[in-house]
Amino acid sequence: MNTVSKLVLTSSLCCFASGLAFAENANVTDNIPYEWAPWKDPNDESKLNLAEDKDVLFQRRNLSEDPKNAPGLYYPNRYEFGPMWSSIPTFLGAPLARTPEDLKAGNVDVALIGLIVGDQMIPGGRYAAMRMRSLVDYLSYPYQGEDQAIGVDLANLVVADYGNVAANWMADNQINLDEIHRVVGSALNVDVVPIGIGGTHIQSYAFMTALAQKYGKGEVLVVHIDAHYDAYKAGAGRYVHNGSFFKMAVEKGLINGSDLIQVGLRGSTPGVETLNWMRKHKIKFHFQSEIEKDGWDAVLAKVLAEAKGRKVYITFDMDGVDPAYAPGVGTAEPDGLTAGQALQLMRALGIQNEIVAAEFNEYNPLLDDLHNHTGILMDRLIRSLLAGMQGRKEGITDPMYYQPERISHDSPIK
């Protein structure tokens, strides 16, 4: 044995205390052995085996140690009205709620939930929730006033800011789905509609698991606005990721393929094989090419007919809108819905259907323009959906209803 070999072997034996024997010319294996990789599950390499002390990047507060207050909603601001910069920002200027008891005591209709999961190749989606609370243009216009299409008073729908859902920003995002499931489920359990704001699209899987537990598997229709079909084969070293969650949801039976309506699809995928999978599972897809060929009015009528009479969960990826209107997204695709078409769709679904959950995701404020046009559009999409829901409560049944006074200046004065 030459001197170099002796040194290498001696160094190797000294460095490892596991008692393993090493041959002089041993080969390095393809994978790190389990003895040195406590994060691996020896029975399934695709699973993470994280001990609790390695996974705690957030910890729930013990609310029992807080001063005792009666359950209900509360405003964090000192002033009822004043300059926007004197406010502690909340979603739409809504009051805060921390617990299901707060939601129940406040007779809340909708809980707005901040989502901070980042699952995009271009980071930034995790910052959207906080940016949406502090859009300068809208701090002076909290959730009040009349909707300018159907005329309902937005303040009649009780809305609360239910805080953010924590996320392990350095860990596998599949782990984050459990916490989203818990928080969304806590709103559903007291019959409040959860609306997620911000984050990335992987979080939809947790919405679907919570909805399946609340209403039963296959009982909720999903309306999915997106440039991408998000039913890629499982990959990226995970069972579910930002582009595969619908495939998993269909194959696990959380939703039936026939209960999925997709609007605005375009880009470089899917191919023939995946299109056949989509047809096999009876997914109702509406590509942008269909909108261009048949016109928006025809496609909108078809979508509303397909959704009629169903409980609906809306998952809105901001890249479903043409980047001319929404440049600040994780995966921009030219073409897409116009801002007006997207607003109309939200309002119409809110009127026609019982909305049981929604979330608006994939807004990346780091990629937005200086005037935050993508954030402003997301704000308006949420308000349009809420206006439709309030219109439904007030007895409006036609999803294409417009208040006559806003259609013609010749309408009589009331």
Protein backbone atom coordinates (compact mmCIF):
# COMPACT_ATOMS: atom_id res chain seq x y z
CA MET A 1 0.00 0.00 0.00
CA ASN A 2 1.48 3.34 -0.99
CA THR A 3 1.68 6.33 1.31
CA VAL A 4 -1.22 8.16 -0.34
CA SER A 5 -3.53 5.15 0.01
CA LYS A 6 -2.57 4.74 3.68
CA LEU A 7 -3.37 8.38 4.37
CA VAL A 8 -6.75 8.19 2.63
CA LEU A 9 -7.73 5.00 4.43
CA THR A 10 -6.58 6.28 7.80
CA SER A 11 -8.50 9.53 7.31
CA SER A 12 -11.64 7.63 6.30
CA LEU A 13 -11.54 5.33 9.32
CA CYS A 14 -11.00 8.24 11.69
CA CYS A 15 -13.85 10.30 10.29
CA PHE A 16 -16.62 7.70 10.66
CA ALA A 17 -17.68 6.38 14.06
CA SER A 18 -20.37 4.09 12.74
CA GLY A 19 -18.16 1.00 12.81
CA LEU A 20 -18.61 0.43 9.08
CA ALA A 21 -15.71 -1.22 7.28
CA PHE A 22 -14.38 0.38 4.11
CA ALA A 23 -12.49 -1.42 1.42
CA GLU A 24 -9.35 0.19 0.16
CA ASN A 25 -10.91 0.88 -3.23
CA ALA A 26 -14.55 1.24 -2.12
CA ASN A 27 -16.88 3.06 -4.50
CA VAL A 28 -19.07 5.98 -3.53
CA THR A 29 -22.70 4.91 -3.77
CA ASP A 30 -25.31 6.83 -5.74
CA ASN A 31 -27.11 8.05 -2.64
CA ILE A 32 -26.15 9.16 0.84
CA PRO A 33 -26.53 6.08 3.10
CA TYR A 34 -29.43 6.14 5.54
CA GLU A 35 -27.02 6.10 8.50
CA TRP A 36 -25.97 9.64 7.60
CA ALA A 37 -29.30 10.95 6.30
CA PRO A 38 -31.80 11.09 9.18
CA TRP A 39 -34.22 12.97 6.92
CA LYS A 40 -34.72 9.87 4.76
CA ASP A 41 -37.43 7.28 5.28
CA PRO A 42 -35.63 3.93 4.81
CA ASN A 43 -38.84 2.42 3.42
CA ASP A 44 -39.61 5.17 0.91
CA GLU A 45 -36.95 7.50 -0.47
CA SER A 46 -39.61 9.91 -1.77
CA LYS A 47 -40.76 10.68 1.77
CA LEU A 48 -39.25 13.11 4.25
CA ASN A 49 -38.62 11.81 7.74
CA LEU A 50 -38.38 15.05 9.70
CA ALA A 51 -38.31 14.89 13.47
CA GLU A 52 -40.51 17.47 15.16
CA ASP A 53 -37.59 19.49 16.48
CA LYS A 54 -36.23 19.80 12.93
CA ASP A 55 -39.51 21.04 11.49
CA VAL A 56 -40.61 23.73 13.94
CA LEU A 57 -40.16 27.01 12.09
CA PHE A 58 -43.41 28.37 13.49
CA GLN A 59 -45.20 27.78 16.77
CA ARG A 60 -48.80 28.57 17.58
CA ARG A 61 -49.29 31.04 20.40
CA ASN A 62 -51.00 29.93 23.59
CA LEU A 63 -54.00 32.25 23.42
CA SER A 64 -55.07 31.29 26.93
CA GLU A 65 -52.28 33.50 28.27
CA ASP A 66 -53.73 36.61 26.57
CA PRO A 67 -55.98 39.07 28.42
CA LYS A 68 -59.54 37.78 28.50
CA ASN A 69 -61.78 39.34 25.88
CA ALA A 70 -65.21 38.37 24.69
CA PRO A 71 -65.12 36.57 21.31
CA GLY A 72 -65.78 38.80 18.33
CA LEU A 73 -64.22 41.10 15.77
CA TYR A 74 -61.98 44.03 16.58
CA TYR A 75 -60.34 46.90 14.71
CA PRO A 76 -56.63 47.44 15.39
CA ASN A 77 -56.71 51.16 14.54
CA ARG A 78 -56.96 54.19 16.76
CA TYR A 79 -59.00 56.22 14.27
CA GLU A 80 -62.38 55.55 12.74
CA PHE A 81 -61.45 57.76 9.81
CA GLY A 82 -58.21 59.50 8.91
CA PRO A 83 -55.23 59.53 6.58
CA MET A 84 -54.34 56.13 5.16
CA TRP A 85 -50.90 56.18 6.79
CA SER A 86 -52.46 56.27 10.27
CA SER A 87 -53.90 52.79 9.78
CA ILE A 88 -52.63 49.35 10.66
CA PRO A 89 -53.47 47.67 7.36
CA THR A 90 -55.88 44.74 7.12
CA PHE A 91 -57.43 43.06 4.10
CA LEU A 92 -59.97 45.53 2.65
CA GLY A 93 -59.83 47.48 5.92
CA ALA A 94 -61.80 44.66 7.56
CA PRO A 95 -61.78 43.96 11.32
CA LEU A 96 -59.59 41.18 12.68
CA ALA A 97 -60.45 37.71 13.91
CA ARG A 98 -58.02 35.17 15.36
CA THR A 99 -60.19 32.20 16.28
CA PRO A 100 -63.27 30.36 15.01
CA GLU A 101 -65.04 31.71 18.09
CA ASP A 102 -64.32 35.26 16.87
CA LEU A 103 -65.77 34.40 13.46
CA LYS A 104 -68.87 32.89 14.98
CA ALA A 105 -69.49 35.69 17.48
CA GLY A 106 -69.01 38.31 14.75
CA ASN A 107 -71.54 36.61 12.42
CA VAL A 108 -68.84 36.63 9.76
CA ASP A 109 -69.73 35.64 6.21
CA VAL A 110 -66.21 35.60 4.74
CA ALA A 111 -62.80 35.08 6.34
CA LEU A 112 -59.93 36.56 4.34
CA ILE A 113 -56.81 34.46 4.94
CA GLY A 114 -53.26 35.47 4.01
CA LEU A 115 -51.21 32.69 2.40
CA ILE A 116 -47.42 32.81 2.23
CA VAL A 117 -46.34 29.54 0.61
CA GLY A 118 -43.64 30.10 -2.01
CA ASP A 119 -43.53 27.29 -4.58
CA GLN A 120 -42.39 29.09 -7.71
CA MET A 121 -39.02 29.05 -9.47
CA ILE A 122 -39.13 32.85 -9.25
CA PRO A 123 -39.56 33.77 -5.56
CA GLY A 124 -41.92 36.47 -4.36
CA GLY A 125 -45.40 34.96 -4.01
CA ARG A 126 -45.00 34.68 -0.25
CA TYR A 127 -45.00 38.49 0.01
CA ALA A 128 -48.32 39.01 -1.76
CA ALA A 129 -50.57 38.78 1.31
CA MET A 130 -48.81 41.61 3.10
CA ARG A 131 -48.70 43.73 -0.06
CA MET A 132 -52.43 43.21 -0.55
CA ARG A 133 -53.10 44.62 2.91
CA SER A 134 -51.13 47.76 2.16
CA LEU A 135 -52.02 48.76 -1.40
CA VAL A 136 -51.73 52.53 -1.05
CA ASP A 137 -54.47 53.23 -3.58
CA TYR A 138 -57.02 51.31 -1.55
CA LEU A 139 -56.19 52.07 2.06
CA SER A 140 -58.54 55.03 1.66
CA TYR A 141 -61.24 52.80 0.15
CA PRO A 142 -61.98 50.04 2.65
CA TYR A 143 -64.68 47.45 2.18
CA GLN A 144 -67.67 49.72 1.77
CA GLY A 145 -69.68 51.56 -0.87
CA GLU A 146 -71.77 50.23 -3.73
CA ASP A 147 -70.56 47.84 -6.38
CA GLN A 148 -70.51 49.75 -9.65
CA ALA A 149 -72.03 46.93 -11.72
CA ILE A 150 -74.90 45.54 -9.65
CA GLY A 151 -75.30 48.29 -7.05
CA VAL A 152 -75.20 46.22 -3.86
CA ASP A 153 -73.71 47.75 -0.71
CA LEU A 154 -70.53 45.83 0.02
CA ALA A 155 -70.70 46.65 3.74
CA ASN A 156 -73.73 44.35 4.11
CA LEU A 157 -71.48 41.29 3.78
CA VAL A 158 -69.58 40.71 7.02
CA VAL A 159 -65.91 40.23 6.20
CA ALA A 160 -62.98 39.63 8.58
CA ASP A 161 -59.22 39.49 8.21
CA TYR A 162 -58.38 36.05 9.64
CA GLY A 163 -54.61 36.58 9.62
CA ASN A 164 -51.90 34.68 7.75
CA VAL A 165 -51.21 30.96 7.69
CA ALA A 166 -47.61 30.21 8.66
CA ALA A 167 -45.32 28.38 6.24
CA ASN A 168 -41.99 26.65 6.66
CA TRP A 169 -40.14 28.82 4.22
CA MET A 170 -37.07 26.57 4.08
CA ALA A 171 -38.82 23.20 4.17
CA ASP A 172 -40.75 21.04 1.73
CA ASN A 173 -43.96 22.85 0.85
CA GLN A 174 -45.96 19.65 1.18
CA ILE A 175 -45.54 20.10 4.94
CA ASN A 176 -47.17 23.52 4.73
CA LEU A 177 -50.38 22.01 3.38
CA ASP A 178 -51.32 20.65 6.81
CA GLU A 179 -51.36 24.09 8.40
CA ILE A 180 -53.39 25.57 5.53
CA HIS A 181 -55.84 22.68 5.90
CA ARG A 182 -56.20 23.43 9.63
CA VAL A 183 -56.82 27.16 9.26
CA VAL A 184 -59.14 26.86 6.24
CA GLY A 185 -60.96 24.03 8.00
CA SER A 186 -61.42 26.13 11.15
CA ALA A 187 -63.40 28.66 9.08
CA LEU A 188 -65.39 25.99 7.26
CA ASN A 189 -66.29 24.35 10.58
CA VAL A 190 -68.20 27.46 11.67
CA ASP A 191 -69.82 27.85 8.22
CA VAL A 192 -67.69 30.81 7.15
CA VAL A 193 -66.42 31.08 3.57
CA PRO A 194 -62.59 31.11 3.53
CA ILE A 195 -60.96 33.23 0.83
CA GLY A 196 -57.20 32.84 0.54
CA ILE A 197 -55.09 35.78 -0.64
CA GLY A 198 -51.51 35.44 -1.87
CA GLY A 199 -49.15 32.49 -1.93
CA THR A 200 -48.67 30.02 -4.76
CA HIS A 201 -50.89 27.42 -6.32
CA ILE A 202 -49.77 24.34 -4.39
CA GLN A 203 -51.99 25.59 -1.55
CA SER A 204 -55.12 24.66 -3.54
CA TYR A 205 -54.56 21.04 -2.56
CA ALA A 206 -55.10 21.92 1.11
CA PHE A 207 -58.28 23.83 0.24
CA MET A 208 -59.57 20.74 -1.55
CA THR A 209 -58.74 18.41 1.34
CA ALA A 210 -60.53 20.72 3.80
CA LEU A 211 -63.54 21.04 1.49
CA ALA A 212 -63.70 17.27 0.98
CA GLN A 213 -63.81 16.77 4.75
CA LYS A 214 -66.48 19.44 5.19
CA TYR A 215 -68.82 18.52 2.33
CA GLY A 216 -67.71 15.05 1.27
CA LYS A 217 -65.55 13.94 -1.61
CA GLY A 218 -66.75 15.10 -5.00
CA GLU A 219 -69.45 17.40 -3.63
CA VAL A 220 -67.77 20.70 -4.58
CA LEU A 221 -67.24 22.02 -8.09
CA VAL A 222 -63.89 23.70 -8.75
CA VAL A 223 -63.60 26.65 -11.11
CA HIS A 224 -59.94 27.09 -11.99
CA ILE A 225 -58.73 30.22 -13.79
CA ASP A 226 -55.16 29.78 -14.99
CA ALA A 227 -52.83 29.80 -17.97
CA HIS A 228 -51.72 26.29 -16.95
CA TYR A 229 -53.69 23.10 -16.39
CA ASP A 230 -51.73 22.14 -13.23
CA ALA A 231 -52.15 18.40 -13.65
CA TYR A 232 -48.55 17.55 -14.50
CA LYS A 233 -47.18 14.21 -13.50
CA ALA A 234 -45.91 14.16 -9.94
CA GLY A 235 -42.32 15.29 -9.95
CA ALA A 236 -39.84 17.73 -8.45
CA GLY A 237 -39.08 15.10 -5.80
CA ARG A 238 -42.55 15.43 -4.30
CA TYR A 239 -46.00 13.90 -4.46
CA VAL A 240 -47.67 17.26 -5.01
CA HIS A 241 -46.24 20.58 -6.13
CA ASN A 242 -47.24 23.85 -7.74
CA GLY A 243 -48.08 22.21 -11.06
CA SER A 244 -49.34 18.75 -10.10
CA PHE A 245 -51.97 19.28 -7.42
CA PHE A 246 -55.01 18.72 -9.66
CA LYS A 247 -53.69 15.38 -10.91
CA MET A 248 -53.26 14.26 -7.31
CA ALA A 249 -56.69 15.64 -6.30
CA VAL A 250 -58.45 13.75 -9.10
CA GLU A 251 -56.55 10.51 -8.61
CA LYS A 252 -57.05 10.60 -4.81
CA GLY A 253 -60.76 11.28 -5.27
CA LEU A 254 -60.85 14.69 -3.60
CA ILE A 255 -62.67 15.92 -6.68
CA ASN A 256 -64.14 14.22 -9.71
CA GLY A 257 -62.58 15.24 -13.00
CA SER A 258 -66.06 16.20 -14.18
CA ASP A 259 -66.22 18.65 -11.25
CA LEU A 260 -63.28 20.69 -12.53
CA ILE A 261 -63.82 23.63 -14.90
CA GLN A 262 -60.66 25.26 -16.25
CA VAL A 263 -60.67 28.67 -17.96
CA GLY A 264 -57.94 30.52 -19.87
CA LEU A 265 -55.51 27.65 -20.54
CA ARG A 266 -52.64 28.38 -22.90
CA GLY A 267 -48.85 28.10 -23.07
CA SER A 268 -46.75 25.13 -24.20
CA THR A 269 -48.67 22.36 -22.42
CA PRO A 270 -50.61 20.06 -22.21
CA GLY A 271 -49.69 17.65 -24.99
CA VAL A 272 -51.78 14.91 -26.57
CA GLU A 273 -51.15 12.38 -23.79
CA THR A 274 -52.29 14.75 -21.05
CA LEU A 275 -55.24 15.98 -23.10
CA ASN A 276 -56.35 12.36 -23.33
CA TRP A 277 -56.01 12.05 -19.54
CA MET A 278 -58.11 15.20 -19.12
CA ARG A 279 -60.79 13.86 -21.47
CA LYS A 280 -60.74 10.46 -19.76
CA HIS A 281 -61.52 12.16 -16.44
CA LYS A 282 -64.12 14.43 -18.09
CA ILE A 283 -62.43 17.68 -17.08
CA LYS A 284 -64.25 20.68 -18.53
CA PHE A 285 -61.41 22.70 -20.01
CA HIS A 286 -61.72 26.00 -21.87
CA PHE A 287 -58.54 27.01 -23.65
CA GLN A 288 -57.85 30.57 -24.64
CA SER A 289 -58.13 29.37 -28.24
CA GLU A 290 -61.80 28.56 -27.59
CA ILE A 291 -62.35 32.08 -26.28
CA GLU A 292 -60.66 33.56 -29.35
CA LYS A 293 -62.67 31.39 -31.76
CA ASP A 294 -66.13 31.48 -30.15
CA GLY A 295 -65.92 34.75 -28.22
CA TRP A 296 -65.92 35.45 -24.48
CA ASP A 297 -69.69 35.73 -24.17
CA ALA A 298 -70.21 32.22 -25.55
CA VAL A 299 -67.54 30.67 -23.33
CA LEU A 300 -68.79 32.52 -20.24
CA ALA A 301 -72.31 31.23 -20.90
CA LYS A 302 -70.95 27.70 -21.21
CA VAL A 303 -68.97 27.96 -17.96
CA LEU A 304 -72.00 29.29 -16.07
CA ALA A 305 -74.17 26.48 -17.46
CA GLU A 306 -71.60 23.90 -16.37
CA ALA A 307 -71.42 25.38 -12.88
CA LYS A 308 -75.13 26.04 -12.32
CA GLY A 309 -76.64 24.58 -9.16
CA ARG A 310 -73.34 23.56 -7.60
CA LYS A 311 -71.35 24.51 -4.53
CA VAL A 312 -68.27 26.22 -5.98
CA TYR A 313 -64.66 26.67 -4.92
CA ILE A 314 -62.79 29.22 -7.06
CA THR A 315 -59.04 29.01 -7.43
CA PHE A 316 -57.74 31.99 -9.37
CA ASP A 317 -54.14 32.05 -10.59
CA MET A 318 -53.35 35.62 -11.57
CA ASP A 319 -51.47 34.41 -14.67
CA GLY A 320 -54.88 33.43 -16.05
CA VAL A 321 -55.18 37.12 -16.91
CA ASP A 322 -53.26 38.63 -19.81
CA PRO A 323 -49.97 40.02 -18.42
CA ALA A 324 -50.88 43.35 -20.02
CA TYR A 325 -53.29 43.65 -17.07
CA ALA A 326 -51.39 41.53 -14.53
CA PRO A 327 -47.61 41.66 -15.10
CA GLY A 328 -46.62 40.65 -11.56
CA VAL A 329 -47.03 36.88 -11.72
CA GLY A 330 -44.72 33.91 -11.27
CA THR A 331 -45.23 32.38 -14.73
CA ALA A 332 -46.38 34.97 -17.24
CA GLU A 333 -48.05 33.77 -20.45
CA PRO A 334 -49.06 36.18 -23.24
CA ASP A 335 -52.78 36.44 -24.02
CA GLY A 336 -55.35 35.37 -21.44
CA LEU A 337 -58.50 36.91 -20.00
CA THR A 338 -58.86 40.66 -19.98
CA ALA A 339 -59.32 42.36 -16.63
CA GLY A 340 -62.96 43.06 -17.49
CA GLN A 341 -63.67 39.44 -18.41
CA ALA A 342 -62.11 38.20 -15.17
CA LEU A 343 -64.12 40.67 -13.07
CA GLN A 344 -67.33 39.69 -14.86
CA LEU A 345 -66.66 35.98 -14.26
CA MET A 346 -66.12 36.50 -10.53
CA ARG A 347 -69.26 38.58 -10.14
CA ALA A 348 -71.39 36.16 -12.18
CA LEU A 349 -70.25 33.09 -10.24
CA GLY A 350 -70.86 34.90 -6.95
CA ILE A 351 -74.45 35.62 -8.00
CA GLN A 352 -75.27 32.26 -9.55
CA ASN A 353 -73.55 29.81 -7.22
CA GLU A 354 -73.10 29.11 -3.55
CA ILE A 355 -69.43 29.98 -3.10
CA VAL A 356 -67.95 27.78 -0.37
CA ALA A 357 -64.30 28.84 -0.74
CA ALA A 358 -61.97 30.79 -3.00
CA GLU A 359 -58.34 31.81 -3.25
CA PHE A 360 -56.42 34.23 -5.39
CA ASN A 361 -52.79 33.27 -5.82
CA GLU A 362 -49.56 33.60 -7.81
CA TYR A 363 -49.31 37.36 -7.39
CA ASN A 364 -45.62 38.25 -7.14
CA PRO A 365 -45.27 41.85 -5.90
CA LEU A 366 -41.53 41.75 -6.63
CA LEU A 367 -42.37 41.49 -10.34
CA ASP A 368 -45.26 43.98 -10.36
CA ASP A 369 -45.04 47.42 -11.93
CA LEU A 370 -44.57 50.57 -9.86
CA HIS A 371 -48.30 51.20 -9.60
CA ASN A 372 -49.01 47.63 -8.39
CA HIS A 373 -51.49 47.00 -11.20
CA THR A 374 -51.53 43.24 -10.54
CA GLY A 375 -52.28 43.77 -6.86
CA ILE A 376 -54.96 46.31 -7.67
CA LEU A 377 -56.62 43.88 -10.09
CA MET A 378 -56.50 41.10 -7.48
CA ASP A 379 -58.15 43.48 -5.00
CA ARG A 380 -60.90 44.21 -7.51
CA LEU A 381 -61.39 40.53 -8.35
CA ILE A 382 -61.95 39.77 -4.68
CA ARG A 383 -64.39 42.68 -4.33
CA SER A 384 -66.28 41.60 -7.47
CA LEU A 385 -66.69 38.08 -6.09
CA LEU A 386 -67.90 39.47 -2.76
CA ALA A 387 -70.33 41.79 -4.56
CA GLY A 388 -71.77 38.81 -6.42
CA MET A 389 -72.13 36.88 -3.16
CA GLN A 390 -73.90 39.82 -1.56
CA GLY A 391 -76.14 40.18 -4.60
CA ARG A 392 -77.12 36.54 -4.23
CA LYS A 393 -78.00 37.17 -0.57
CA GLU A 394 -80.21 40.07 -1.64
CA GLY A 395 -82.14 37.95 -4.12
CA ILE A 396 -80.39 38.66 -7.43
CA THR A 397 -80.58 35.47 -9.48
CA ASP A 398 -79.42 36.47 -12.97
CA PRO A 399 -75.61 36.09 -13.15
CA MET A 400 -75.60 38.67 -15.96
CA TYR A 401 -77.59 41.20 -13.96
CA TYR A 402 -76.59 44.87 -14.08
CA GLN A 403 -78.32 47.59 -12.11
CA PRO A 404 -80.42 49.51 -14.65
CA GLU A 405 -79.38 52.87 -13.21
CA ARG A 406 -75.81 52.10 -14.18
CA ILE A 407 -76.68 51.02 -17.71
CA SER A 408 -78.45 54.15 -18.92
CA HIS A 409 -78.35 57.77 -17.90
CA ASP A 410 -82.03 57.95 -18.91
CA SER A 411 -83.07 55.74 -15.98
CA PRO A 412 -85.51 57.54 -13.65
CA ILE A 413 -84.20 59.05 -10.42
CA LYS A 414 -85.19 57.04 -7.35
